[in-house]
Amino acid sequence: MDIILQLSQRGELNQSQLMSSCRLNNVQHKPIIDELVEKGLIIRFEEPWGEQNRIIKYKVSEKGREIAKKIFEPYELLFPRSEDKK
């Protein structure tokens, strides 16, 4: 849910930015991102970075955007998360 919401709110993010903004560990949580790509909820693409490198980026797909609007956003309005919880 956080991955789709972050991408919906922020547009496209590189892999490091996405993991950091969702407070996820790249090694442990990369399979979740791969599954979201496989299900068509987010889109993975590469952009050139320097002369020979490429950077992996993600953005929410139309299918993911529809799910965020229909399910996640109303849920967040009813049950907002508090950053103060310990």
N, C-alpha and C. Protein backbone atom coordinates (compact mmCIF):
# COMPACT_ATOMS: atom_id res chain seq x y z
N MET A 1 0.82 -1.18 0.00
CA MET A 1 0.00 0.00 0.00
C MET A 1 0.87 1.25 0.00
N ASP A 2 1.90 1.28 0.84
CA ASP A 2 2.77 2.46 0.90
C ASP A 2 3.48 2.71 -0.42
N ILE A 3 3.88 1.66 -1.09
CA ILE A 3 4.60 1.81 -2.36
C ILE A 3 3.72 2.50 -3.38
N ILE A 4 2.50 2.03 -3.56
CA ILE A 4 1.59 2.61 -4.53
C ILE A 4 1.23 4.04 -4.14
N LEU A 5 0.99 4.29 -2.85
CA LEU A 5 0.66 5.64 -2.41
C LEU A 5 1.82 6.61 -2.61
N GLN A 6 3.04 6.18 -2.30
CA GLN A 6 4.21 7.05 -2.51
C GLN A 6 4.37 7.41 -3.98
N LEU A 7 4.24 6.41 -4.84
CA LEU A 7 4.38 6.68 -6.27
C LEU A 7 3.23 7.54 -6.79
N SER A 8 2.03 7.35 -6.25
CA SER A 8 0.89 8.17 -6.66
C SER A 8 1.12 9.63 -6.27
N GLN A 9 1.67 9.84 -5.11
CA GLN A 9 1.86 11.19 -4.60
C GLN A 9 3.09 11.88 -5.18
N ARG A 10 4.15 11.11 -5.45
CA ARG A 10 5.42 11.71 -5.83
C ARG A 10 5.81 11.51 -7.29
N GLY A 11 4.98 10.81 -8.05
CA GLY A 11 5.30 10.60 -9.46
C GLY A 11 6.22 9.41 -9.62
N GLU A 12 7.38 9.63 -10.19
CA GLU A 12 8.32 8.53 -10.36
C GLU A 12 9.48 8.67 -9.38
N LEU A 13 9.98 7.53 -8.92
CA LEU A 13 11.09 7.51 -7.98
C LEU A 13 12.09 6.44 -8.41
N ASN A 14 13.37 6.70 -8.13
CA ASN A 14 14.32 5.62 -8.38
C ASN A 14 14.20 4.60 -7.26
N GLN A 15 14.83 3.46 -7.44
CA GLN A 15 14.66 2.36 -6.50
C GLN A 15 15.07 2.76 -5.08
N SER A 16 16.18 3.46 -4.94
CA SER A 16 16.64 3.88 -3.60
C SER A 16 15.67 4.85 -2.95
N GLN A 17 15.19 5.81 -3.72
CA GLN A 17 14.23 6.79 -3.17
C GLN A 17 12.94 6.10 -2.74
N LEU A 18 12.47 5.16 -3.57
CA LEU A 18 11.23 4.45 -3.25
C LEU A 18 11.38 3.64 -1.97
N MET A 19 12.45 2.89 -1.86
CA MET A 19 12.67 2.08 -0.66
C MET A 19 12.81 2.96 0.58
N SER A 20 13.54 4.05 0.44
CA SER A 20 13.75 4.94 1.57
C SER A 20 12.45 5.63 2.00
N SER A 21 11.68 6.12 1.04
CA SER A 21 10.45 6.82 1.39
C SER A 21 9.41 5.90 2.02
N CYS A 22 9.49 4.60 1.70
CA CYS A 22 8.57 3.62 2.30
C CYS A 22 9.16 2.93 3.52
N ARG A 23 10.38 3.31 3.86
CA ARG A 23 11.11 2.72 5.00
C ARG A 23 11.25 1.20 4.84
N LEU A 24 11.66 0.79 3.65
CA LEU A 24 11.85 -0.63 3.36
C LEU A 24 13.31 -0.94 3.15
N ASN A 25 13.67 -2.18 3.41
CA ASN A 25 15.02 -2.67 3.18
C ASN A 25 15.07 -3.24 1.77
N ASN A 26 16.03 -2.80 0.96
CA ASN A 26 16.12 -3.22 -0.43
C ASN A 26 16.25 -4.73 -0.58
N VAL A 27 17.07 -5.36 0.22
CA VAL A 27 17.29 -6.80 0.10
C VAL A 27 16.03 -7.59 0.49
N GLN A 28 15.41 -7.22 1.60
CA GLN A 28 14.27 -7.97 2.10
C GLN A 28 12.98 -7.68 1.34
N HIS A 29 12.81 -6.46 0.82
CA HIS A 29 11.52 -6.06 0.27
C HIS A 29 11.48 -5.93 -1.25
N LYS A 30 12.59 -6.15 -1.93
CA LYS A 30 12.61 -6.07 -3.39
C LYS A 30 11.60 -7.04 -4.02
N PRO A 31 11.40 -8.25 -3.47
CA PRO A 31 10.38 -9.14 -4.05
C PRO A 31 8.97 -8.54 -4.05
N ILE A 32 8.66 -7.70 -3.08
CA ILE A 32 7.34 -7.05 -3.06
C ILE A 32 7.20 -6.13 -4.26
N ILE A 33 8.23 -5.36 -4.53
CA ILE A 33 8.21 -4.45 -5.68
C ILE A 33 8.12 -5.25 -6.97
N ASP A 34 8.89 -6.33 -7.06
CA ASP A 34 8.83 -7.17 -8.26
C ASP A 34 7.42 -7.73 -8.48
N GLU A 35 6.75 -8.10 -7.40
CA GLU A 35 5.39 -8.64 -7.51
C GLU A 35 4.41 -7.55 -7.97
N LEU A 36 4.57 -6.33 -7.47
CA LEU A 36 3.71 -5.23 -7.92
C LEU A 36 3.90 -4.95 -9.40
N VAL A 37 5.14 -5.08 -9.88
CA VAL A 37 5.42 -4.91 -11.31
C VAL A 37 4.74 -6.03 -12.10
N GLU A 38 4.90 -7.28 -11.63
CA GLU A 38 4.30 -8.43 -12.32
C GLU A 38 2.78 -8.32 -12.41
N LYS A 39 2.16 -7.77 -11.37
CA LYS A 39 0.70 -7.64 -11.34
C LYS A 39 0.21 -6.40 -12.08
N GLY A 40 1.14 -5.59 -12.58
CA GLY A 40 0.77 -4.42 -13.36
C GLY A 40 0.33 -3.23 -12.54
N LEU A 41 0.67 -3.21 -11.25
CA LEU A 41 0.27 -2.09 -10.40
C LEU A 41 1.27 -0.94 -10.44
N ILE A 42 2.53 -1.27 -10.68
CA ILE A 42 3.55 -0.25 -10.88
C ILE A 42 4.36 -0.61 -12.12
N ILE A 43 5.05 0.38 -12.67
CA ILE A 43 5.84 0.19 -13.89
C ILE A 43 7.31 0.40 -13.55
N ARG A 44 8.14 -0.52 -13.98
CA ARG A 44 9.59 -0.43 -13.80
C ARG A 44 10.18 -0.02 -15.14
N PHE A 45 11.08 0.97 -15.11
CA PHE A 45 11.77 1.36 -16.33
C PHE A 45 13.18 1.83 -15.98
N GLU A 46 14.02 1.90 -16.99
CA GLU A 46 15.40 2.32 -16.78
C GLU A 46 15.67 3.59 -17.56
N GLU A 47 16.53 4.43 -16.99
CA GLU A 47 16.96 5.65 -17.65
C GLU A 47 18.48 5.68 -17.65
N PRO A 48 19.07 6.27 -18.68
CA PRO A 48 20.53 6.39 -18.68
C PRO A 48 21.00 7.27 -17.52
N TRP A 49 22.12 6.90 -16.96
CA TRP A 49 22.73 7.68 -15.88
C TRP A 49 24.22 7.67 -16.14
N GLY A 50 24.72 8.75 -16.63
CA GLY A 50 26.12 8.79 -17.04
C GLY A 50 26.26 8.15 -18.42
N GLU A 51 27.48 7.83 -18.77
CA GLU A 51 27.72 7.29 -20.11
C GLU A 51 27.38 5.81 -20.25
N GLN A 52 27.60 5.02 -19.21
CA GLN A 52 27.40 3.58 -19.36
C GLN A 52 26.50 2.97 -18.30
N ASN A 53 25.97 3.77 -17.43
CA ASN A 53 25.13 3.23 -16.36
C ASN A 53 23.66 3.53 -16.63
N ARG A 54 22.83 2.79 -15.93
CA ARG A 54 21.39 3.00 -16.01
C ARG A 54 20.84 3.01 -14.59
N ILE A 55 19.77 3.77 -14.41
CA ILE A 55 19.13 3.84 -13.10
C ILE A 55 17.72 3.26 -13.24
N ILE A 56 17.33 2.44 -12.26
CA ILE A 56 16.00 1.83 -12.25
C ILE A 56 15.03 2.80 -11.59
N LYS A 57 13.91 3.03 -12.26
CA LYS A 57 12.88 3.91 -11.71
C LYS A 57 11.54 3.19 -11.76
N TYR A 58 10.63 3.68 -10.94
CA TYR A 58 9.28 3.13 -10.86
C TYR A 58 8.26 4.25 -10.90
N LYS A 59 7.10 3.95 -11.46
CA LYS A 59 5.96 4.86 -11.40
C LYS A 59 4.71 4.00 -11.31
N VAL A 60 3.66 4.59 -10.79
CA VAL A 60 2.41 3.85 -10.63
C VAL A 60 1.73 3.72 -12.00
N SER A 61 1.15 2.57 -12.26
CA SER A 61 0.43 2.34 -13.51
C SER A 61 -1.00 2.87 -13.36
N GLU A 62 -1.72 2.89 -14.44
CA GLU A 62 -3.12 3.32 -14.38
C GLU A 62 -3.93 2.38 -13.48
N LYS A 63 -3.64 1.08 -13.59
CA LYS A 63 -4.31 0.08 -12.74
C LYS A 63 -4.01 0.36 -11.27
N GLY A 64 -2.75 0.64 -10.96
CA GLY A 64 -2.36 0.96 -9.58
C GLY A 64 -3.01 2.24 -9.09
N ARG A 65 -3.11 3.23 -9.98
CA ARG A 65 -3.73 4.50 -9.63
C ARG A 65 -5.21 4.31 -9.29
N GLU A 66 -5.89 3.46 -10.07
CA GLU A 66 -7.31 3.18 -9.82
C GLU A 66 -7.49 2.51 -8.45
N ILE A 67 -6.63 1.57 -8.14
CA ILE A 67 -6.72 0.88 -6.85
C ILE A 67 -6.45 1.86 -5.71
N ALA A 68 -5.47 2.73 -5.89
CA ALA A 68 -5.16 3.72 -4.85
C ALA A 68 -6.36 4.63 -4.59
N LYS A 69 -7.01 5.06 -5.65
CA LYS A 69 -8.16 5.96 -5.48
C LYS A 69 -9.36 5.26 -4.87
N LYS A 70 -9.62 4.03 -5.28
CA LYS A 70 -10.82 3.32 -4.83
C LYS A 70 -10.67 2.69 -3.45
N ILE A 71 -9.48 2.25 -3.11
CA ILE A 71 -9.31 1.49 -1.87
C ILE A 71 -8.42 2.21 -0.86
N PHE A 72 -7.21 2.54 -1.24
CA PHE A 72 -6.23 3.04 -0.29
C PHE A 72 -6.55 4.44 0.23
N GLU A 73 -6.91 5.36 -0.66
CA GLU A 73 -7.16 6.73 -0.22
C GLU A 73 -8.34 6.82 0.74
N PRO A 74 -9.48 6.16 0.45
CA PRO A 74 -10.57 6.20 1.44
C PRO A 74 -10.17 5.55 2.77
N TYR A 75 -9.40 4.49 2.72
CA TYR A 75 -8.94 3.83 3.95
C TYR A 75 -8.08 4.79 4.77
N GLU A 76 -7.16 5.50 4.10
CA GLU A 76 -6.30 6.45 4.80
C GLU A 76 -7.11 7.59 5.41
N LEU A 77 -8.19 7.99 4.75
CA LEU A 77 -9.03 9.05 5.32
C LEU A 77 -9.75 8.58 6.57
N LEU A 78 -10.21 7.33 6.56
CA LEU A 78 -10.91 6.78 7.73
C LEU A 78 -9.96 6.46 8.87
N PHE A 79 -8.80 5.92 8.52
CA PHE A 79 -7.84 5.47 9.53
C PHE A 79 -6.46 6.05 9.26
N PRO A 80 -6.29 7.35 9.48
CA PRO A 80 -4.98 7.97 9.21
C PRO A 80 -3.92 7.40 10.14
N ARG A 81 -2.74 7.28 9.59
CA ARG A 81 -1.61 6.79 10.38
C ARG A 81 -1.04 7.93 11.19
N SER A 82 -0.64 7.61 12.37
CA SER A 82 -0.01 8.62 13.23
C SER A 82 1.47 8.34 13.29
N GLU A 83 2.27 9.34 13.01
CA GLU A 83 3.72 9.19 13.08
C GLU A 83 4.19 9.16 14.54
N ASP A 84 3.30 9.53 15.47
CA ASP A 84 3.66 9.60 16.88
C ASP A 84 3.55 8.29 17.62
N LYS A 85 2.98 7.24 16.97
CA LYS A 85 2.81 5.96 17.65
C LYS A 85 4.16 5.36 18.00
N LYS A 86 4.23 4.75 19.16
CA LYS A 86 5.50 4.13 19.60
C LYS A 86 5.29 2.69 19.91
